[in-house]
C-alpha cells in the first residue's frame, strides 16, 4: 500500500487552510478522503487527480 497523506500534509501541499479541506469534504468538493479510525487520510493519487480536474473545470 502506498503512503497516505494527513490533512496537514494535504493542506500544506495545496497551500490552503485545514478548515478549507474540512469545508470541501462536507460539501463533497475537495479531494477524496477516507477515515482511518478517527483520522482523515488522503491517497496522493486522488489528490493529484482532483488537482488536475480543477484545471480542466
N, C-alpha and C. Protein backbone atom coordinates (compact mmCIF):
# COMPACT_ATOMS: atom_id res chain seq x y z
N UNK A 1 0.84 -1.18 0.00
CA UNK A 1 0.00 0.00 0.00
C UNK A 1 0.88 1.25 0.00
N UNK A 2 0.48 2.22 -0.78
CA UNK A 2 1.19 3.50 -0.82
C UNK A 2 1.03 4.24 0.49
N UNK A 3 1.92 5.17 0.72
CA UNK A 3 1.79 6.03 1.88
C UNK A 3 0.63 6.99 1.66
N UNK A 4 -0.12 7.23 2.71
CA UNK A 4 -1.23 8.18 2.63
C UNK A 4 -0.79 9.52 3.20
N UNK A 5 -1.57 10.55 2.91
CA UNK A 5 -1.27 11.89 3.39
C UNK A 5 -2.27 12.28 4.47
N UNK A 6 -1.79 12.98 5.47
CA UNK A 6 -2.67 13.51 6.52
C UNK A 6 -3.30 14.80 6.02
N UNK A 7 -4.28 15.28 6.74
CA UNK A 7 -4.93 16.54 6.35
C UNK A 7 -3.94 17.70 6.43
N UNK A 8 -3.02 17.66 7.39
CA UNK A 8 -1.99 18.71 7.48
C UNK A 8 -1.10 18.71 6.24
N UNK A 9 -0.74 17.52 5.77
CA UNK A 9 0.13 17.41 4.60
C UNK A 9 -0.58 17.89 3.33
N UNK A 10 -1.86 17.54 3.20
CA UNK A 10 -2.62 17.97 2.02
C UNK A 10 -2.83 19.49 2.06
N UNK A 11 -3.12 20.02 3.23
CA UNK A 11 -3.28 21.47 3.36
C UNK A 11 -1.99 22.19 2.96
N UNK A 12 -0.85 21.68 3.39
CA UNK A 12 0.43 22.29 3.03
C UNK A 12 0.70 22.14 1.54
N UNK A 13 0.40 20.98 0.99
CA UNK A 13 0.63 20.72 -0.43
C UNK A 13 -0.20 21.66 -1.31
N UNK A 14 -1.47 21.83 -0.96
CA UNK A 14 -2.36 22.68 -1.75
C UNK A 14 -2.31 24.15 -1.32
N UNK A 15 -1.61 24.40 -0.22
CA UNK A 15 -1.50 25.76 0.34
C UNK A 15 -2.85 26.37 0.65
N UNK A 16 -3.67 25.56 1.35
CA UNK A 16 -4.97 26.03 1.83
C UNK A 16 -5.06 25.68 3.32
N UNK A 17 -5.88 26.42 4.07
CA UNK A 17 -6.07 26.09 5.49
C UNK A 17 -6.77 24.73 5.65
N UNK A 18 -6.51 24.09 6.78
CA UNK A 18 -7.18 22.82 7.06
C UNK A 18 -8.70 22.99 7.06
N UNK A 19 -9.17 24.13 7.54
CA UNK A 19 -10.61 24.39 7.57
C UNK A 19 -11.23 24.33 6.19
N UNK A 20 -10.48 24.77 5.19
CA UNK A 20 -10.97 24.71 3.81
C UNK A 20 -11.16 23.26 3.38
N UNK A 21 -10.21 22.41 3.73
CA UNK A 21 -10.35 20.98 3.39
C UNK A 21 -11.56 20.37 4.08
N UNK A 22 -11.79 20.74 5.34
CA UNK A 22 -12.98 20.23 6.04
C UNK A 22 -14.26 20.71 5.37
N UNK A 23 -14.30 21.98 4.95
CA UNK A 23 -15.48 22.50 4.26
C UNK A 23 -15.69 21.79 2.93
N UNK A 24 -14.61 21.63 2.16
CA UNK A 24 -14.73 20.93 0.89
C UNK A 24 -15.25 19.52 1.10
N UNK A 25 -14.75 18.85 2.13
CA UNK A 25 -15.19 17.49 2.40
C UNK A 25 -16.68 17.45 2.72
N UNK A 26 -17.15 18.38 3.53
CA UNK A 26 -18.57 18.39 3.88
C UNK A 26 -19.45 18.73 2.68
N UNK A 27 -18.91 19.50 1.73
CA UNK A 27 -19.65 19.87 0.52
C UNK A 27 -19.36 18.93 -0.66
N UNK A 28 -18.51 17.94 -0.40
CA UNK A 28 -18.10 16.97 -1.43
C UNK A 28 -17.47 17.64 -2.64
N UNK A 29 -16.60 18.62 -2.38
CA UNK A 29 -15.95 19.36 -3.46
C UNK A 29 -14.46 19.08 -3.55
N UNK A 30 -13.83 18.72 -2.49
CA UNK A 30 -12.38 18.56 -2.47
C UNK A 30 -11.92 17.17 -2.83
N UNK A 31 -10.63 16.93 -2.66
CA UNK A 31 -10.10 15.58 -2.93
C UNK A 31 -10.72 14.56 -1.98
N UNK A 32 -10.85 13.35 -2.48
CA UNK A 32 -11.47 12.28 -1.70
C UNK A 32 -10.59 11.91 -0.51
N UNK A 33 -11.21 11.85 0.66
CA UNK A 33 -10.51 11.45 1.89
C UNK A 33 -11.21 10.23 2.48
N UNK A 34 -10.46 9.47 3.23
CA UNK A 34 -11.01 8.29 3.90
C UNK A 34 -10.71 8.38 5.38
N UNK A 35 -11.62 7.85 6.18
CA UNK A 35 -11.40 7.81 7.62
C UNK A 35 -10.61 6.56 7.96
N UNK A 36 -9.58 6.74 8.75
CA UNK A 36 -8.81 5.63 9.31
C UNK A 36 -8.88 5.85 10.81
N UNK A 37 -9.73 5.08 11.46
CA UNK A 37 -10.01 5.37 12.86
C UNK A 37 -10.74 6.70 12.92
N UNK A 38 -10.17 7.66 13.63
CA UNK A 38 -10.78 8.99 13.69
C UNK A 38 -10.03 10.02 12.87
N UNK A 39 -9.08 9.55 12.06
CA UNK A 39 -8.23 10.44 11.27
C UNK A 39 -8.61 10.39 9.80
N UNK A 40 -8.47 11.54 9.12
CA UNK A 40 -8.67 11.58 7.67
C UNK A 40 -7.35 11.29 6.99
N UNK A 41 -7.40 10.47 5.96
CA UNK A 41 -6.21 10.17 5.17
C UNK A 41 -6.55 10.32 3.70
N UNK A 42 -5.59 10.81 2.95
CA UNK A 42 -5.75 11.07 1.52
C UNK A 42 -4.77 10.20 0.74
N UNK A 43 -5.25 9.63 -0.35
CA UNK A 43 -4.38 8.91 -1.28
C UNK A 43 -3.74 9.97 -2.17
N UNK A 44 -2.41 10.00 -2.26
CA UNK A 44 -1.75 11.01 -3.10
C UNK A 44 -2.26 11.02 -4.54
N UNK A 45 -2.59 9.86 -5.09
CA UNK A 45 -3.10 9.79 -6.46
C UNK A 45 -4.46 10.49 -6.57
N UNK A 46 -5.31 10.36 -5.54
CA UNK A 46 -6.60 11.05 -5.54
C UNK A 46 -6.43 12.55 -5.48
N UNK A 47 -5.48 13.01 -4.68
CA UNK A 47 -5.22 14.45 -4.56
C UNK A 47 -4.73 15.00 -5.90
N UNK A 48 -3.81 14.28 -6.54
CA UNK A 48 -3.29 14.72 -7.83
C UNK A 48 -4.38 14.73 -8.90
N UNK A 49 -5.22 13.70 -8.91
CA UNK A 49 -6.30 13.62 -9.90
C UNK A 49 -7.30 14.75 -9.68
N UNK A 50 -7.63 15.03 -8.43
CA UNK A 50 -8.55 16.13 -8.13
C UNK A 50 -7.95 17.45 -8.59
N UNK A 51 -6.67 17.65 -8.33
CA UNK A 51 -5.99 18.89 -8.72
C UNK A 51 -6.01 19.07 -10.24
N UNK A 52 -5.75 18.00 -10.98
CA UNK A 52 -5.78 18.07 -12.45
C UNK A 52 -7.19 18.39 -12.95
N UNK A 53 -8.21 17.81 -12.29
CA UNK A 53 -9.60 18.07 -12.67
C UNK A 53 -9.96 19.53 -12.46
N UNK A 54 -9.37 20.19 -11.48
CA UNK A 54 -9.67 21.60 -11.22
C UNK A 54 -9.18 22.46 -12.37
N UNK A 55 -8.09 22.05 -12.97
CA UNK A 55 -7.53 22.78 -14.09
C UNK A 55 -8.47 22.72 -15.29
N UNK A 56 -9.10 21.56 -15.49
CA UNK A 56 -9.99 21.36 -16.63
C UNK A 56 -11.31 22.11 -16.45
N UNK A 57 -11.70 22.32 -15.22
CA UNK A 57 -13.00 22.95 -14.94
C UNK A 57 -12.96 24.41 -15.03
